[in-house]
Amino acid sequence: MPASAHDILDWADTLLDAHAFQDYCPIGLQVAGRTETVEVVATAVSCTRDVFERAAAAGAQLLMTHHGLFWKGTSQVIDPIMRERLGVLFEHGITLAGYHLPLDAHPAIGNNALIADALGLARTQLPFAVHGGRSIGLVGELSAPVGLDTFVAQVGELTGGRTPLVLGGGADTQVTRVAVCSGGAAADIADAAALGCDAFITGEPREDSLAFARELGIVLVAAGHHATETFGIRALGEAAAAEFGVSHTFLDVDNPV
């Protein structure tokens, strides 16, 4: 029996415990498409006209993103940019859904879990990076200390081969305990330090991140907001394909931020 957008999104909502979060954007369905039957699911990190056009070219009936189209506190005016973006969805009948904090926090296919697992971090039970009423980050430990240069190289390789921005630390810094919270979580650096972490992986820094890193004695590794958030949404698409027998394509957009 063909999969429907409704069934896939109900499944994703349940898998991610999506509605237990107080998020900054609507969770799940954001734009209803014209066709209920889904044969191709596309996934991407963010909503842009380019992403929507790529989804249409891939023949997708359902597009799931990490960063949705609508955000609380932003203008509700359909300006020219929003009109063009919506126009692509409407023209091609694509259903759009967004999963933000739930896809950071998931213990198996979340951004932070997948980064930690790929780096060989044994997860602790320490709550970290509480947003939307839930702990979305995690703290893990390496089996043995590694030098900072080696650790940063591993993070860079994992996140697409770019060299991360490193704030704090020095040539003799050893890394064992690591906090991970993808995207724009630089404000959580003090909590990472309080938990005894040697390093904190996130996507992008703030202006005050260098000062905090130096004064708290922790290394902030900013590996790219976009790059650190490719993991969860791709994994969600792959899981949907396996669950419903649909095709999945990840729309890998180059973004240095």
C-alpha atoms as a PDB file:
ATOM      1  CA  MET A   1       0.000   0.000   0.000  1.00  0.00           C
ATOM      2  CA  PRO A   2       1.478   3.405  -0.956  1.00  0.00           C
ATOM      3  CA  ALA A   3       2.745   5.580   1.867  1.00  0.00           C
ATOM      4  CA  SER A   4       0.928   8.802   2.636  1.00  0.00           C
ATOM      5  CA  ALA A   5       2.443  12.062   3.877  1.00  0.00           C
ATOM      6  CA  HIS A   6       0.079  11.888   6.847  1.00  0.00           C
ATOM      7  CA  ASP A   7       1.323   8.425   7.850  1.00  0.00           C
ATOM      8  CA  ILE A   8       4.984   9.338   7.452  1.00  0.00           C
ATOM      9  CA  LEU A   9       4.643  12.508   9.512  1.00  0.00           C
ATOM     10  CA  ASP A  10       2.638  10.765  12.230  1.00  0.00           C
ATOM     11  CA  TRP A  11       5.421   8.187  12.411  1.00  0.00           C
ATOM     12  CA  ALA A  12       8.117  10.887  12.553  1.00  0.00           C
ATOM     13  CA  ASP A  13       6.230  12.803  15.260  1.00  0.00           C
ATOM     14  CA  THR A  14       6.082   9.650  17.381  1.00  0.00           C
ATOM     15  CA  LEU A  15       9.668   8.571  16.713  1.00  0.00           C
ATOM     16  CA  LEU A  16      11.035  11.970  17.725  1.00  0.00           C
ATOM     17  CA  ASP A  17       8.575  12.541  20.597  1.00  0.00           C
ATOM     18  CA  ALA A  18       8.185  15.788  18.726  1.00  0.00           C
ATOM     19  CA  HIS A  19       5.368  17.460  20.575  1.00  0.00           C
ATOM     20  CA  ALA A  20       7.025  17.090  23.971  1.00  0.00           C
ATOM     21  CA  PHE A  21       9.268  20.032  23.008  1.00  0.00           C
ATOM     22  CA  GLN A  22       8.542  23.735  23.343  1.00  0.00           C
ATOM     23  CA  ASP A  23      10.255  24.684  20.114  1.00  0.00           C
ATOM     24  CA  TYR A  24      10.966  27.993  18.407  1.00  0.00           C
ATOM     25  CA  CYS A  25       9.015  26.953  15.318  1.00  0.00           C
ATOM     26  CA  PRO A  26       6.069  24.772  14.333  1.00  0.00           C
ATOM     27  CA  ILE A  27       6.978  21.093  14.671  1.00  0.00           C
ATOM     28  CA  GLY A  28       6.053  18.622  11.963  1.00  0.00           C
ATOM     29  CA  LEU A  29       3.722  19.688   9.156  1.00  0.00           C
ATOM     30  CA  GLN A  30       4.274  23.264   7.961  1.00  0.00           C
ATOM     31  CA  VAL A  31       2.855  23.297   4.417  1.00  0.00           C
ATOM     32  CA  ALA A  32       0.336  20.770   3.111  1.00  0.00           C
ATOM     33  CA  GLY A  33       1.060  19.477  -0.363  1.00  0.00           C
ATOM     34  CA  ARG A  34      -1.271  18.707  -3.205  1.00  0.00           C
ATOM     35  CA  THR A  35      -0.610  14.952  -3.356  1.00  0.00           C
ATOM     36  CA  GLU A  36      -1.070  12.695  -0.356  1.00  0.00           C
ATOM     37  CA  THR A  37       0.719   9.648  -1.803  1.00  0.00           C
ATOM     38  CA  VAL A  38       4.489   9.729  -1.289  1.00  0.00           C
ATOM     39  CA  GLU A  39       7.020   7.886  -3.410  1.00  0.00           C
ATOM     40  CA  VAL A  40      10.046  10.139  -2.851  1.00  0.00           C
ATOM     41  CA  VAL A  41      11.062  11.821   0.411  1.00  0.00           C
ATOM     42  CA  ALA A  42      13.676  14.573   0.288  1.00  0.00           C
ATOM     43  CA  THR A  43      15.532  15.926   3.317  1.00  0.00           C
ATOM     44  CA  ALA A  44      17.644  19.038   3.846  1.00  0.00           C
ATOM     45  CA  VAL A  45      19.004  21.124   6.697  1.00  0.00           C
ATOM     46  CA  SER A  46      17.230  24.388   5.871  1.00  0.00           C
ATOM     47  CA  CYS A  47      14.386  25.860   3.841  1.00  0.00           C
ATOM     48  CA  THR A  48      15.474  27.931   0.854  1.00  0.00           C
ATOM     49  CA  ARG A  49      14.126  28.380  -2.646  1.00  0.00           C
ATOM     50  CA  ASP A  50      17.143  26.443  -3.936  1.00  0.00           C
ATOM     51  CA  VAL A  51      16.320  23.519  -1.647  1.00  0.00           C
ATOM     52  CA  PHE A  52      12.668  23.579  -2.719  1.00  0.00           C
ATOM     53  CA  GLU A  53      13.667  23.592  -6.382  1.00  0.00           C
ATOM     54  CA  ARG A  54      16.035  20.683  -5.810  1.00  0.00           C
ATOM     55  CA  ALA A  55      13.271  18.759  -4.059  1.00  0.00           C
ATOM     56  CA  ALA A  56      10.980  19.369  -7.017  1.00  0.00           C
ATOM     57  CA  ALA A  57      13.678  18.258  -9.467  1.00  0.00           C
ATOM     58  CA  ALA A  58      14.113  15.059  -7.441  1.00  0.00           C
ATOM     59  CA  GLY A  59      10.388  14.337  -7.779  1.00  0.00           C
ATOM     60  CA  ALA A  60       9.775  14.566  -4.032  1.00  0.00           C
ATOM     61  CA  GLN A  61       6.235  14.717  -2.702  1.00  0.00           C
ATOM     62  CA  LEU A  62       7.460  15.233   0.879  1.00  0.00           C
ATOM     63  CA  LEU A  63      10.338  17.419   2.074  1.00  0.00           C
ATOM     64  CA  MET A  64      11.514  17.227   5.693  1.00  0.00           C
ATOM     65  CA  THR A  65      13.986  19.798   7.016  1.00  0.00           C
ATOM     66  CA  HIS A  66      15.735  20.559  10.295  1.00  0.00           C
ATOM     67  CA  HIS A  67      15.198  24.322  10.042  1.00  0.00           C
ATOM     68  CA  GLY A  68      11.611  24.899   9.008  1.00  0.00           C
ATOM     69  CA  LEU A  69      10.114  27.758   7.036  1.00  0.00           C
ATOM     70  CA  PHE A  70       8.373  29.567   9.909  1.00  0.00           C
ATOM     71  CA  TRP A  71       9.864  30.809  13.194  1.00  0.00           C
ATOM     72  CA  LYS A  72       8.242  32.332  16.253  1.00  0.00           C
ATOM     73  CA  GLY A  73       8.856  36.059  16.584  1.00  0.00           C
ATOM     74  CA  THR A  74       9.525  36.618  12.877  1.00  0.00           C
ATOM     75  CA  SER A  75       7.323  38.607  10.522  1.00  0.00           C
ATOM     76  CA  GLN A  76       4.086  36.962   9.412  1.00  0.00           C
ATOM     77  CA  VAL A  77       4.078  38.987   6.203  1.00  0.00           C
ATOM     78  CA  ILE A  78       4.429  36.948   3.020  1.00  0.00           C
ATOM     79  CA  ASP A  79       7.151  39.096   1.502  1.00  0.00           C
ATOM     80  CA  PRO A  80       8.700  38.527  -1.967  1.00  0.00           C
ATOM     81  CA  ILE A  81      11.226  35.969  -0.700  1.00  0.00           C
ATOM     82  CA  MET A  82       8.596  33.961   1.169  1.00  0.00           C
ATOM     83  CA  ARG A  83       6.203  34.208  -1.786  1.00  0.00           C
ATOM     84  CA  GLU A  84       8.834  32.756  -4.125  1.00  0.00           C
ATOM     85  CA  ARG A  85       9.638  29.941  -1.712  1.00  0.00           C
ATOM     86  CA  LEU A  86       6.008  29.021  -1.167  1.00  0.00           C
ATOM     87  CA  GLY A  87       5.395  29.304  -4.888  1.00  0.00           C
ATOM     88  CA  VAL A  88       7.777  26.417  -5.585  1.00  0.00           C
ATOM     89  CA  LEU A  89       6.039  24.227  -3.010  1.00  0.00           C
ATOM     90  CA  PHE A  90       2.586  25.106  -4.339  1.00  0.00           C
ATOM     91  CA  GLU A  91       3.558  24.654  -7.978  1.00  0.00           C
ATOM     92  CA  HIS A  92       4.885  21.162  -7.361  1.00  0.00           C
ATOM     93  CA  GLY A  93       2.463  20.125  -4.629  1.00  0.00           C
ATOM     94  CA  ILE A  94       5.222  19.373  -2.117  1.00  0.00           C
ATOM     95  CA  THR A  95       4.402  18.792   1.544  1.00  0.00           C
ATOM     96  CA  LEU A  96       6.879  20.469   3.911  1.00  0.00           C
ATOM     97  CA  ALA A  97       7.647  19.421   7.487  1.00  0.00           C
ATOM     98  CA  GLY A  98      10.234  20.680   9.950  1.00  0.00           C
ATOM     99  CA  TYR A  99      11.851  18.983  12.941  1.00  0.00           C
ATOM    100  CA  HIS A 100      14.156  21.242  14.942  1.00  0.00           C
ATOM    101  CA  LEU A 101      14.885  20.561  18.637  1.00  0.00           C
ATOM    102  CA  PRO A 102      13.445  17.020  18.509  1.00  0.00           C
ATOM    103  CA  LEU A 103      16.025  16.158  15.870  1.00  0.00           C
ATOM    104  CA  ASP A 104      18.867  17.578  17.940  1.00  0.00           C
ATOM    105  CA  ALA A 105      17.840  15.611  20.992  1.00  0.00           C
ATOM    106  CA  HIS A 106      16.965  12.137  19.702  1.00  0.00           C
ATOM    107  CA  PRO A 107      19.206   9.522  21.368  1.00  0.00           C
ATOM    108  CA  ALA A 108      19.656   7.414  18.234  1.00  0.00           C
ATOM    109  CA  ILE A 109      19.244   9.570  15.117  1.00  0.00           C
ATOM    110  CA  GLY A 110      19.709  13.032  16.611  1.00  0.00           C
ATOM    111  CA  ASN A 111      22.493  15.345  15.457  1.00  0.00           C
ATOM    112  CA  ASN A 112      24.309  15.224  18.771  1.00  0.00           C
ATOM    113  CA  ALA A 113      23.993  11.478  19.243  1.00  0.00           C
ATOM    114  CA  LEU A 114      25.345  10.774  15.769  1.00  0.00           C
ATOM    115  CA  ILE A 115      28.268  13.171  16.205  1.00  0.00           C
ATOM    116  CA  ALA A 116      29.136  11.641  19.580  1.00  0.00           C
ATOM    117  CA  ASP A 117      28.928   8.098  18.253  1.00  0.00           C
ATOM    118  CA  ALA A 118      31.072   8.905  15.226  1.00  0.00           C
ATOM    119  CA  LEU A 119      33.763  10.366  17.496  1.00  0.00           C
ATOM    120  CA  GLY A 120      33.690   7.343  19.792  1.00  0.00           C
ATOM    121  CA  LEU A 121      32.309   9.190  22.817  1.00  0.00           C
ATOM    122  CA  ALA A 122      30.851   7.000  25.551  1.00  0.00           C
ATOM    123  CA  ARG A 123      27.786   8.941  26.642  1.00  0.00           C
ATOM    124  CA  THR A 124      27.295   9.979  30.249  1.00  0.00           C
ATOM    125  CA  GLN A 125      23.978  10.597  31.973  1.00  0.00           C
ATOM    126  CA  LEU A 126      24.721  14.298  32.465  1.00  0.00           C
ATOM    127  CA  PRO A 127      21.935  16.573  31.166  1.00  0.00           C
ATOM    128  CA  PHE A 128      23.306  19.303  28.927  1.00  0.00           C
ATOM    129  CA  ALA A 129      21.976  22.181  26.821  1.00  0.00           C
ATOM    130  CA  VAL A 130      18.396  22.423  28.061  1.00  0.00           C
ATOM    131  CA  HIS A 131      16.210  24.087  25.425  1.00  0.00           C
ATOM    132  CA  GLY A 132      12.481  23.889  24.902  1.00  0.00           C
ATOM    133  CA  GLY A 133      12.099  22.140  28.236  1.00  0.00           C
ATOM    134  CA  ARG A 134      14.377  19.246  27.321  1.00  0.00           C
ATOM    135  CA  SER A 135      18.077  18.417  27.376  1.00  0.00           C
ATOM    136  CA  ILE A 136      19.067  18.358  23.712  1.00  0.00           C
ATOM    137  CA  GLY A 137      22.862  18.109  24.003  1.00  0.00           C
ATOM    138  CA  LEU A 138      25.003  15.406  25.530  1.00  0.00           C
ATOM    139  CA  VAL A 139      28.304  14.811  27.278  1.00  0.00           C
ATOM    140  CA  GLY A 140      30.580  11.913  26.425  1.00  0.00           C
ATOM    141  CA  GLU A 141      34.054  10.625  27.151  1.00  0.00           C
ATOM    142  CA  LEU A 142      36.809   9.254  24.960  1.00  0.00           C
ATOM    143  CA  SER A 143      38.395   5.963  25.993  1.00  0.00           C
ATOM    144  CA  ALA A 144      41.747   7.726  26.308  1.00  0.00           C
ATOM    145  CA  PRO A 145      42.895  11.363  26.128  1.00  0.00           C
ATOM    146  CA  VAL A 146      43.854  12.706  22.695  1.00  0.00           C
ATOM    147  CA  GLY A 147      45.742  15.826  21.739  1.00  0.00           C
ATOM    148  CA  LEU A 148      43.700  18.825  20.702  1.00  0.00           C
ATOM    149  CA  ASP A 149      45.043  18.885  17.138  1.00  0.00           C
ATOM    150  CA  THR A 150      44.109  15.234  16.636  1.00  0.00           C
ATOM    151  CA  PHE A 151      40.657  15.761  18.097  1.00  0.00           C
ATOM    152  CA  VAL A 152      39.952  18.839  15.948  1.00  0.00           C
ATOM    153  CA  ALA A 153      41.097  16.974  12.827  1.00  0.00           C
ATOM    154  CA  GLN A 154      38.618  14.186  13.611  1.00  0.00           C
ATOM    155  CA  VAL A 155      35.792  16.693  14.028  1.00  0.00           C
ATOM    156  CA  GLY A 156      36.732  18.389  10.757  1.00  0.00           C
ATOM    157  CA  GLU A 157      36.756  15.118   8.859  1.00  0.00           C
ATOM    158  CA  LEU A 158      33.372  14.174  10.299  1.00  0.00           C
ATOM    159  CA  THR A 159      31.775  17.491   9.327  1.00  0.00           C
ATOM    160  CA  GLY A 160      32.769  17.559   5.682  1.00  0.00           C
ATOM    161  CA  GLY A 161      36.493  18.194   5.671  1.00  0.00           C
ATOM    162  CA  ARG A 162      36.436  21.860   6.661  1.00  0.00           C
ATOM    163  CA  THR A 163      38.789  23.042   9.402  1.00  0.00           C
ATOM    164  CA  PRO A 164      36.745  23.965  12.502  1.00  0.00           C
ATOM    165  CA  LEU A 165      37.267  27.264  14.285  1.00  0.00           C
ATOM    166  CA  VAL A 166      39.002  26.510  17.590  1.00  0.00           C
ATOM    167  CA  LEU A 167      38.765  28.936  20.507  1.00  0.00           C
ATOM    168  CA  GLY A 168      40.835  28.328  23.627  1.00  0.00           C
ATOM    169  CA  GLY A 169      43.260  25.559  24.456  1.00  0.00           C
ATOM    170  CA  GLY A 170      46.855  25.182  23.377  1.00  0.00           C
ATOM    171  CA  ALA A 171      49.440  22.811  21.952  1.00  0.00           C
ATOM    172  CA  ASP A 172      49.501  20.727  25.149  1.00  0.00           C
ATOM    173  CA  THR A 173      45.708  20.477  25.602  1.00  0.00           C
ATOM    174  CA  GLN A 174      44.375  16.951  26.026  1.00  0.00           C
ATOM    175  CA  VAL A 175      40.738  16.097  25.376  1.00  0.00           C
ATOM    176  CA  THR A 176      38.801  13.404  27.229  1.00  0.00           C
ATOM    177  CA  ARG A 177      35.351  14.703  28.233  1.00  0.00           C
ATOM    178  CA  VAL A 178      33.400  16.431  25.462  1.00  0.00           C
ATOM    179  CA  ALA A 179      30.072  18.277  25.330  1.00  0.00           C
ATOM    180  CA  VAL A 180      28.170  18.247  22.048  1.00  0.00           C
ATOM    181  CA  CYS A 181      25.323  20.493  20.947  1.00  0.00           C
ATOM    182  CA  SER A 182      25.018  21.187  17.244  1.00  0.00           C
ATOM    183  CA  GLY A 183      24.052  24.442  15.556  1.00  0.00           C
ATOM    184  CA  GLY A 184      23.953  27.725  17.447  1.00  0.00           C
ATOM    185  CA  ALA A 185      24.542  26.584  21.027  1.00  0.00           C
ATOM    186  CA  ALA A 186      27.612  28.655  21.919  1.00  0.00           C
ATOM    187  CA  ALA A 187      25.791  30.139  24.929  1.00  0.00           C
ATOM    188  CA  ASP A 188      25.947  26.716  26.602  1.00  0.00           C
ATOM    189  CA  ILE A 189      29.739  26.889  26.992  1.00  0.00           C
ATOM    190  CA  ALA A 190      29.599  27.744  30.706  1.00  0.00           C
ATOM    191  CA  ASP A 191      27.431  24.700  31.405  1.00  0.00           C
ATOM    192  CA  ALA A 192      29.866  22.515  29.452  1.00  0.00           C
ATOM    193  CA  ALA A 193      32.750  23.812  31.536  1.00  0.00           C
ATOM    194  CA  ALA A 194      30.796  23.284  34.771  1.00  0.00           C
ATOM    195  CA  LEU A 195      30.342  19.631  33.788  1.00  0.00           C
ATOM    196  CA  GLY A 196      34.096  19.200  33.591  1.00  0.00           C
ATOM    197  CA  CYS A 197      34.381  19.102  29.817  1.00  0.00           C
ATOM    198  CA  ASP A 198      37.699  19.692  28.090  1.00  0.00           C
ATOM    199  CA  ALA A 199      36.017  20.613  24.809  1.00  0.00           C
ATOM    200  CA  PHE A 200      32.623  21.720  23.542  1.00  0.00           C
ATOM    201  CA  ILE A 201      31.550  20.994  19.965  1.00  0.00           C
ATOM    202  CA  THR A 202      28.904  23.259  18.476  1.00  0.00           C
ATOM    203  CA  GLY A 203      28.193  24.846  15.125  1.00  0.00           C
ATOM    204  CA  GLU A 204      29.103  28.507  15.428  1.00  0.00           C
ATOM    205  CA  PRO A 205      30.572  30.844  18.064  1.00  0.00           C
ATOM    206  CA  ARG A 206      29.316  34.092  19.528  1.00  0.00           C
ATOM    207  CA  GLU A 207      31.362  37.255  19.895  1.00  0.00           C
ATOM    208  CA  ASP A 208      32.046  36.436  23.539  1.00  0.00           C
ATOM    209  CA  SER A 209      32.972  32.788  22.964  1.00  0.00           C
ATOM    210  CA  LEU A 210      36.731  33.348  22.943  1.00  0.00           C
ATOM    211  CA  ALA A 211      36.661  35.132  26.285  1.00  0.00           C
ATOM    212  CA  PHE A 212      34.520  32.427  27.861  1.00  0.00           C
ATOM    213  CA  ALA A 213      36.749  29.658  26.477  1.00  0.00           C
ATOM    214  CA  ARG A 214      39.868  31.259  27.910  1.00  0.00           C
ATOM    215  CA  GLU A 215      38.363  32.182  31.274  1.00  0.00           C
ATOM    216  CA  LEU A 216      36.591  28.859  31.781  1.00  0.00           C
ATOM    217  CA  GLY A 217      39.502  26.745  30.596  1.00  0.00           C
ATOM    218  CA  ILE A 218      37.553  24.906  27.901  1.00  0.00           C
ATOM    219  CA  VAL A 219      38.032  24.593  24.141  1.00  0.00           C
ATOM    220  CA  LEU A 220      35.145  25.588  21.872  1.00  0.00           C
ATOM    221  CA  VAL A 221      35.211  23.754  18.546  1.00  0.00           C
ATOM    222  CA  ALA A 222      32.891  25.493  16.080  1.00  0.00           C
ATOM    223  CA  ALA A 223      32.484  23.044  13.219  1.00  0.00           C
ATOM    224  CA  GLY A 224      29.739  24.850  11.259  1.00  0.00           C
ATOM    225  CA  HIS A 225      26.073  25.360  12.068  1.00  0.00           C
ATOM    226  CA  HIS A 226      24.990  23.716   8.838  1.00  0.00           C
ATOM    227  CA  ALA A 227      27.654  21.001   8.889  1.00  0.00           C
ATOM    228  CA  THR A 228      26.821  19.844  12.415  1.00  0.00           C
ATOM    229  CA  GLU A 229      23.133  19.558  11.553  1.00  0.00           C
ATOM    230  CA  THR A 230      23.258  17.386   8.450  1.00  0.00           C
ATOM    231  CA  PHE A 231      23.314  14.171  10.468  1.00  0.00           C
ATOM    232  CA  GLY A 232      19.879  13.965  12.042  1.00  0.00           C
ATOM    233  CA  ILE A 233      17.720  15.005   9.108  1.00  0.00           C
ATOM    234  CA  ARG A 234      19.557  12.651   6.756  1.00  0.00           C
ATOM    235  CA  ALA A 235      19.099   9.813   9.257  1.00  0.00           C
ATOM    236  CA  LEU A 236      15.389  10.636   9.572  1.00  0.00           C
ATOM    237  CA  GLY A 237      14.993  10.374   5.800  1.00  0.00           C
ATOM    238  CA  GLU A 238      16.836   7.070   5.711  1.00  0.00           C
ATOM    239  CA  ALA A 239      14.672   5.727   8.537  1.00  0.00           C
ATOM    240  CA  ALA A 240      11.491   6.825   6.717  1.00  0.00           C
ATOM    241  CA  ALA A 241      12.650   5.098   3.542  1.00  0.00           C
ATOM    242  CA  ALA A 242      13.249   1.862   5.444  1.00  0.00           C
ATOM    243  CA  GLU A 243       9.943   2.077   7.317  1.00  0.00           C
ATOM    244  CA  PHE A 244       7.695   2.912   4.352  1.00  0.00           C
ATOM    245  CA  GLY A 245       9.543   1.568   1.313  1.00  0.00           C
ATOM    246  CA  VAL A 246       9.901   5.005  -0.296  1.00  0.00           C
ATOM    247  CA  SER A 247      12.930   6.542  -1.966  1.00  0.00           C
ATOM    248  CA  HIS A 248      15.005   9.089  -0.070  1.00  0.00           C
ATOM    249  CA  THR A 249      17.325  11.803  -1.308  1.00  0.00           C
ATOM    250  CA  PHE A 250      19.357  14.125   0.915  1.00  0.00           C
ATOM    251  CA  LEU A 251      19.749  17.575  -0.621  1.00  0.00           C
ATOM    252  CA  ASP A 252      23.345  18.370   0.281  1.00  0.00           C
ATOM    253  CA  VAL A 253      23.650  22.147  -0.020  1.00  0.00           C
ATOM    254  CA  ASP A 254      27.063  23.754   0.389  1.00  0.00           C
ATOM    255  CA  ASN A 255      26.990  26.211   3.293  1.00  0.00           C
ATOM    256  CA  PRO A 256      30.197  27.344   5.052  1.00  0.00           C
ATOM    257  CA  VAL A 257      28.333  28.786   8.056  1.00  0.00           C
END
